[in-house]
Amino acid sequence: MRASLQLTLLALGLALAACGPSVRVNVVASPDANLGALHTFRILPVPQTRRSRQMQSNDPMLANSITYRSLRDALRDAFLSRGYVESEDNPDFAVAYYASARQKLDVTYWDYGYRWGPGWWHGWGRPGVSVDQYEQGTVIVDVIDPTHKELLWRARGVSALSDDPAEFGQDLRRTAMAIIKKFPEARK
């Protein structure tokens, strides 16, 4: 009974998330990534910032751990809904995430332990463009090979964000769901 209730609530959440304002999503995958072979995942905790960089203290994503927990939960739910299984021990892929609500987001501030810009990466369809600056209201999700610390897949979702805390959480959830909808479903 409990499992069916959880599935019903998850389906309802997905349906509600789809009803909100549109989310623009851009995706890029490593040319040699075999995403179809992936089955288990682990969402990485938010890392410490690099000491050499100064962060803006007024970004609500940085000042609010509740927001990051909400985003983490939304990503977990989204991957589970695509058929993936969460595993802390030896997962097939790891998930890093970044978000900014008020300023441009430079992913080089964060240190998840992998190169944020692999050799095959040249920006969002524009060769030679740096990937370190992003628009306001942005969520970035990276899928990483946990063994080799290589970036396999990156998606950026951009949408309007509300100033209302309850709506803000729903906006993040909707954005996360829209991003992971672009990730292939797990094969049986």
Foldseek 3Di string as FASTA:
>chain_A
DVVVVVVVVLVVLLVVLVPDDDKDKFKDFDPPDPLQVFAEEEEDDFAAFDPVDDDDPPWCVVVPVVLVVLLVVLLVSLLVVLRHHYDPPPGQKYKYKDATAPAWAFVNRGPPPADPADPVDQDRPDRPDDPGTDDHQKMKMFIARVVVRYTGMIMMIHDHADPDVVRNSSSSSSRSNVHSVPRHRHDD
